[in-house]
Amino acid sequence: MSSASRSNPMFSLNEAVGAAPTLAALCERVRKSQGLIEQVGHLIPTGLRPHIHPGPLDDTEWCLLVDSAAASTKIRQMLPALLQTLNQNGAKINAIRIKVQHARR
């Protein structure tokens, strides 16, 4: 084994997460955010689903990332139903923020 490979060990993602509590906490928040979008996905019209993405999750606030202002407008109209469904499923979300992310050029 060369000295370069001994000084630069390879870690699996699970090993890296286990070795870094901050990374583990971030991975858990991402997993929870993805779980939330799965809980409300059936409420979002089929044609709109590819334009809505789970975003950052804080203690009681969740952010949805949307591809356009039009998608944002439709999702804003749906916020009461989304919040109700999440809370009925045990999520303790008080607010959903919407952030429009324009495509990079």
N, C-alpha and C. Protein backbone atom coordinates (compact mmCIF):
# COMPACT_ATOMS: atom_id res chain seq x y z
N MET A 1 0.85 -1.17 0.00
CA MET A 1 0.00 0.00 0.00
C MET A 1 0.89 1.24 0.00
N SER A 2 0.61 2.20 -0.84
CA SER A 2 1.43 3.39 -0.93
C SER A 2 1.18 4.31 0.26
N SER A 3 2.13 5.20 0.52
CA SER A 3 1.96 6.12 1.64
C SER A 3 0.81 7.08 1.40
N ALA A 4 0.50 7.39 0.13
CA ALA A 4 -0.62 8.30 -0.17
C ALA A 4 -1.94 7.68 0.24
N SER A 5 -2.12 6.38 0.00
CA SER A 5 -3.39 5.77 0.36
C SER A 5 -3.51 5.54 1.86
N ARG A 6 -2.40 5.39 2.56
CA ARG A 6 -2.46 5.26 4.02
C ARG A 6 -2.76 6.58 4.69
N SER A 7 -2.31 7.69 4.14
CA SER A 7 -2.53 8.98 4.77
C SER A 7 -3.88 9.60 4.39
N ASN A 8 -4.55 9.04 3.41
CA ASN A 8 -5.83 9.57 2.97
C ASN A 8 -6.85 8.44 2.91
N PRO A 9 -7.30 7.95 4.09
CA PRO A 9 -8.21 6.81 4.09
C PRO A 9 -9.58 7.17 3.50
N MET A 10 -10.22 6.17 2.91
CA MET A 10 -11.55 6.36 2.34
C MET A 10 -12.58 5.97 3.40
N PHE A 11 -13.63 6.78 3.52
CA PHE A 11 -14.71 6.50 4.45
C PHE A 11 -15.99 6.33 3.65
N SER A 12 -16.83 5.43 4.12
CA SER A 12 -18.16 5.35 3.53
C SER A 12 -18.96 6.53 4.08
N LEU A 13 -20.09 6.83 3.44
CA LEU A 13 -20.93 7.92 3.93
C LEU A 13 -21.39 7.65 5.35
N ASN A 14 -21.78 6.42 5.63
CA ASN A 14 -22.23 6.08 6.99
C ASN A 14 -21.12 6.26 8.02
N GLU A 15 -19.88 5.92 7.65
CA GLU A 15 -18.76 6.11 8.57
C GLU A 15 -18.51 7.60 8.81
N ALA A 16 -18.59 8.39 7.75
CA ALA A 16 -18.37 9.83 7.89
C ALA A 16 -19.45 10.46 8.76
N VAL A 17 -20.70 10.05 8.54
CA VAL A 17 -21.80 10.58 9.35
C VAL A 17 -21.62 10.19 10.81
N GLY A 18 -21.21 8.94 11.06
CA GLY A 18 -21.01 8.49 12.43
C GLY A 18 -19.88 9.22 13.13
N ALA A 19 -18.90 9.67 12.36
CA ALA A 19 -17.74 10.36 12.94
C ALA A 19 -17.97 11.85 13.13
N ALA A 20 -19.03 12.37 12.55
CA ALA A 20 -19.28 13.82 12.62
C ALA A 20 -20.71 14.08 13.08
N PRO A 21 -20.91 14.40 14.34
CA PRO A 21 -22.26 14.64 14.86
C PRO A 21 -23.03 15.72 14.09
N THR A 22 -22.33 16.76 13.65
CA THR A 22 -23.00 17.82 12.90
C THR A 22 -23.55 17.29 11.58
N LEU A 23 -22.77 16.47 10.91
CA LEU A 23 -23.21 15.87 9.65
C LEU A 23 -24.36 14.91 9.90
N ALA A 24 -24.30 14.18 10.99
CA ALA A 24 -25.39 13.26 11.33
C ALA A 24 -26.69 14.02 11.57
N ALA A 25 -26.61 15.15 12.26
CA ALA A 25 -27.80 15.97 12.52
C ALA A 25 -28.36 16.53 11.21
N LEU A 26 -27.48 16.95 10.31
CA LEU A 26 -27.92 17.47 9.02
C LEU A 26 -28.61 16.37 8.21
N CYS A 27 -28.04 15.18 8.18
CA CYS A 27 -28.65 14.07 7.46
C CYS A 27 -30.03 13.73 8.02
N GLU A 28 -30.18 13.80 9.32
CA GLU A 28 -31.47 13.54 9.96
C GLU A 28 -32.49 14.58 9.56
N ARG A 29 -32.09 15.86 9.51
CA ARG A 29 -33.02 16.92 9.09
C ARG A 29 -33.43 16.74 7.63
N VAL A 30 -32.51 16.34 6.78
CA VAL A 30 -32.83 16.10 5.36
C VAL A 30 -33.81 14.94 5.26
N ARG A 31 -33.58 13.88 6.02
CA ARG A 31 -34.47 12.72 6.00
C ARG A 31 -35.88 13.11 6.46
N LYS A 32 -35.97 13.91 7.51
CA LYS A 32 -37.28 14.35 8.01
C LYS A 32 -37.99 15.25 6.99
N SER A 33 -37.25 16.13 6.34
CA SER A 33 -37.84 17.00 5.33
C SER A 33 -38.39 16.18 4.16
N GLN A 34 -37.65 15.18 3.74
CA GLN A 34 -38.13 14.30 2.67
C GLN A 34 -39.36 13.53 3.12
N GLY A 35 -39.41 13.14 4.37
CA GLY A 35 -40.58 12.45 4.90
C GLY A 35 -41.81 13.34 4.90
N LEU A 36 -41.61 14.63 5.17
CA LEU A 36 -42.74 15.56 5.16
C LEU A 36 -43.33 15.71 3.76
N ILE A 37 -42.48 15.81 2.75
CA ILE A 37 -43.00 15.95 1.39
C ILE A 37 -43.74 14.68 0.97
N GLU A 38 -43.30 13.54 1.46
CA GLU A 38 -44.02 12.29 1.17
C GLU A 38 -45.40 12.28 1.82
N GLN A 39 -45.52 12.89 2.99
CA GLN A 39 -46.81 12.93 3.69
C GLN A 39 -47.84 13.78 2.97
N VAL A 40 -47.39 14.83 2.28
CA VAL A 40 -48.34 15.74 1.63
C VAL A 40 -48.34 15.64 0.11
N GLY A 41 -47.51 14.78 -0.44
CA GLY A 41 -47.39 14.67 -1.89
C GLY A 41 -48.71 14.40 -2.59
N HIS A 42 -49.57 13.60 -1.95
CA HIS A 42 -50.86 13.27 -2.57
C HIS A 42 -51.77 14.49 -2.69
N LEU A 43 -51.51 15.54 -1.92
CA LEU A 43 -52.33 16.75 -1.99
C LEU A 43 -51.92 17.68 -3.14
N ILE A 44 -50.69 17.51 -3.59
CA ILE A 44 -50.15 18.38 -4.64
C ILE A 44 -50.55 17.83 -6.00
N PRO A 45 -51.12 18.66 -6.87
CA PRO A 45 -51.50 18.18 -8.20
C PRO A 45 -50.33 17.52 -8.92
N THR A 46 -50.62 16.45 -9.63
CA THR A 46 -49.59 15.64 -10.29
C THR A 46 -48.64 16.47 -11.15
N GLY A 47 -49.18 17.39 -11.92
CA GLY A 47 -48.34 18.21 -12.79
C GLY A 47 -47.43 19.17 -12.06
N LEU A 48 -47.76 19.46 -10.82
CA LEU A 48 -46.98 20.41 -10.01
C LEU A 48 -45.88 19.70 -9.20
N ARG A 49 -46.05 18.43 -8.94
CA ARG A 49 -45.12 17.70 -8.06
C ARG A 49 -43.64 17.80 -8.47
N PRO A 50 -43.31 17.71 -9.77
CA PRO A 50 -41.88 17.80 -10.12
C PRO A 50 -41.27 19.18 -9.83
N HIS A 51 -42.10 20.17 -9.57
CA HIS A 51 -41.63 21.54 -9.36
C HIS A 51 -41.54 21.93 -7.89
N ILE A 52 -41.87 21.00 -7.01
CA ILE A 52 -41.85 21.24 -5.56
C ILE A 52 -40.82 20.30 -4.93
N HIS A 53 -39.95 20.86 -4.10
CA HIS A 53 -38.88 20.08 -3.49
C HIS A 53 -38.82 20.38 -1.99
N PRO A 54 -38.50 19.38 -1.19
CA PRO A 54 -38.37 19.65 0.25
C PRO A 54 -37.13 20.49 0.51
N GLY A 55 -37.28 21.44 1.41
CA GLY A 55 -36.17 22.32 1.76
C GLY A 55 -35.81 22.21 3.22
N PRO A 56 -35.17 23.23 3.74
CA PRO A 56 -34.71 23.20 5.14
C PRO A 56 -35.86 23.01 6.12
N LEU A 57 -35.56 22.31 7.18
CA LEU A 57 -36.51 22.04 8.25
C LEU A 57 -35.89 22.51 9.56
N ASP A 58 -36.59 23.43 10.21
CA ASP A 58 -36.19 23.87 11.55
C ASP A 58 -37.11 23.16 12.54
N ASP A 59 -37.08 23.56 13.78
CA ASP A 59 -37.88 22.88 14.80
C ASP A 59 -39.35 22.80 14.42
N THR A 60 -39.96 23.93 14.09
CA THR A 60 -41.40 23.93 13.79
C THR A 60 -41.71 24.62 12.47
N GLU A 61 -40.70 24.89 11.66
CA GLU A 61 -40.91 25.56 10.39
C GLU A 61 -40.22 24.77 9.28
N TRP A 62 -40.94 24.61 8.18
CA TRP A 62 -40.45 23.84 7.03
C TRP A 62 -40.45 24.74 5.82
N CYS A 63 -39.50 24.57 4.95
CA CYS A 63 -39.41 25.36 3.73
C CYS A 63 -39.60 24.45 2.52
N LEU A 64 -40.45 24.89 1.61
CA LEU A 64 -40.62 24.20 0.33
C LEU A 64 -39.92 25.02 -0.73
N LEU A 65 -39.15 24.36 -1.56
CA LEU A 65 -38.45 25.01 -2.66
C LEU A 65 -39.26 24.76 -3.92
N VAL A 66 -39.60 25.81 -4.62
CA VAL A 66 -40.41 25.69 -5.83
C VAL A 66 -39.66 26.29 -7.01
N ASP A 67 -40.00 25.81 -8.20
CA ASP A 67 -39.27 26.20 -9.41
C ASP A 67 -39.74 27.50 -10.05
N SER A 68 -40.94 27.98 -9.68
CA SER A 68 -41.45 29.17 -10.36
C SER A 68 -42.42 29.93 -9.46
N ALA A 69 -42.68 31.17 -9.85
CA ALA A 69 -43.65 31.98 -9.12
C ALA A 69 -45.04 31.39 -9.25
N ALA A 70 -45.35 30.81 -10.41
CA ALA A 70 -46.67 30.20 -10.59
C ALA A 70 -46.87 29.03 -9.64
N ALA A 71 -45.84 28.20 -9.50
CA ALA A 71 -45.92 27.08 -8.56
C ALA A 71 -46.04 27.59 -7.13
N SER A 72 -45.34 28.67 -6.84
CA SER A 72 -45.41 29.27 -5.51
C SER A 72 -46.83 29.74 -5.19
N THR A 73 -47.47 30.37 -6.16
CA THR A 73 -48.83 30.86 -5.96
C THR A 73 -49.78 29.71 -5.65
N LYS A 74 -49.68 28.63 -6.40
CA LYS A 74 -50.57 27.49 -6.19
C LYS A 74 -50.31 26.85 -4.81
N ILE A 75 -49.05 26.69 -4.46
CA ILE A 75 -48.71 26.07 -3.17
C ILE A 75 -49.17 26.95 -2.01
N ARG A 76 -49.05 28.27 -2.16
CA ARG A 76 -49.52 29.18 -1.10
C ARG A 76 -51.02 28.97 -0.83
N GLN A 77 -51.78 28.72 -1.88
CA GLN A 77 -53.21 28.47 -1.71
C GLN A 77 -53.46 27.17 -0.96
N MET A 78 -52.52 26.24 -1.05
CA MET A 78 -52.67 24.92 -0.44
C MET A 78 -52.10 24.83 0.98
N LEU A 79 -51.45 25.88 1.46
CA LEU A 79 -50.77 25.81 2.76
C LEU A 79 -51.65 25.34 3.91
N PRO A 80 -52.88 25.83 4.05
CA PRO A 80 -53.70 25.34 5.17
C PRO A 80 -53.90 23.82 5.13
N ALA A 81 -54.15 23.27 3.96
CA ALA A 81 -54.36 21.82 3.83
C ALA A 81 -53.06 21.06 4.10
N LEU A 82 -51.95 21.59 3.64
CA LEU A 82 -50.66 20.92 3.88
C LEU A 82 -50.35 20.90 5.37
N LEU A 83 -50.51 22.05 6.03
CA LEU A 83 -50.25 22.12 7.48
C LEU A 83 -51.18 21.19 8.26
N GLN A 84 -52.44 21.17 7.89
CA GLN A 84 -53.39 20.31 8.59
C GLN A 84 -52.99 18.84 8.45
N THR A 85 -52.64 18.42 7.24
CA THR A 85 -52.25 17.03 7.02
C THR A 85 -51.00 16.68 7.81
N LEU A 86 -50.01 17.55 7.77
CA LEU A 86 -48.77 17.29 8.51
C LEU A 86 -49.04 17.14 10.00
N ASN A 87 -49.83 18.04 10.56
CA ASN A 87 -50.10 17.99 11.99
C ASN A 87 -50.98 16.81 12.37
N GLN A 88 -51.88 16.42 11.49
CA GLN A 88 -52.68 15.22 11.75
C GLN A 88 -51.80 13.96 11.75
N ASN A 89 -50.71 14.02 11.00
CA ASN A 89 -49.78 12.88 10.93
C ASN A 89 -48.70 12.94 12.00
N GLY A 90 -48.82 13.91 12.91
CA GLY A 90 -47.89 13.96 14.03
C GLY A 90 -46.72 14.92 13.88
N ALA A 91 -46.59 15.56 12.73
CA ALA A 91 -45.53 16.54 12.58
C ALA A 91 -45.92 17.81 13.34
N LYS A 92 -44.99 18.40 13.99
CA LYS A 92 -45.28 19.62 14.75
C LYS A 92 -44.75 20.82 13.97
N ILE A 93 -45.39 21.08 12.83
CA ILE A 93 -45.00 22.18 11.96
C ILE A 93 -46.00 23.31 12.13
N ASN A 94 -45.51 24.48 12.51
CA ASN A 94 -46.37 25.65 12.69
C ASN A 94 -46.45 26.52 11.45
N ALA A 95 -45.43 26.43 10.59
CA ALA A 95 -45.40 27.30 9.42
C ALA A 95 -44.65 26.60 8.29
N ILE A 96 -45.07 26.91 7.08
CA ILE A 96 -44.38 26.45 5.88
C ILE A 96 -43.98 27.70 5.10
N ARG A 97 -42.70 27.85 4.86
CA ARG A 97 -42.19 28.92 4.02
C ARG A 97 -42.05 28.40 2.59
N ILE A 98 -42.16 29.29 1.63
CA ILE A 98 -41.99 28.91 0.24
C ILE A 98 -40.88 29.77 -0.34
N LYS A 99 -39.94 29.13 -0.98
CA LYS A 99 -38.83 29.85 -1.61
C LYS A 99 -38.79 29.48 -3.07
N VAL A 100 -38.86 30.48 -3.93
CA VAL A 100 -38.76 30.26 -5.38
C VAL A 100 -37.29 30.20 -5.75
N GLN A 101 -36.93 29.11 -6.40
CA GLN A 101 -35.55 28.94 -6.87
C GLN A 101 -35.58 28.92 -8.39
N HIS A 102 -35.14 30.01 -8.96
CA HIS A 102 -35.12 30.10 -10.42
C HIS A 102 -34.00 29.22 -10.97
N ALA A 103 -34.25 28.62 -12.12
CA ALA A 103 -33.26 27.75 -12.74
C ALA A 103 -31.99 28.54 -13.04
N ARG A 104 -30.86 27.89 -12.82
CA ARG A 104 -29.57 28.53 -13.13
C ARG A 104 -29.37 28.54 -14.63
N ARG A 105 -28.79 29.61 -15.10
CA ARG A 105 -28.57 29.75 -16.55
C ARG A 105 -27.16 29.44 -16.91
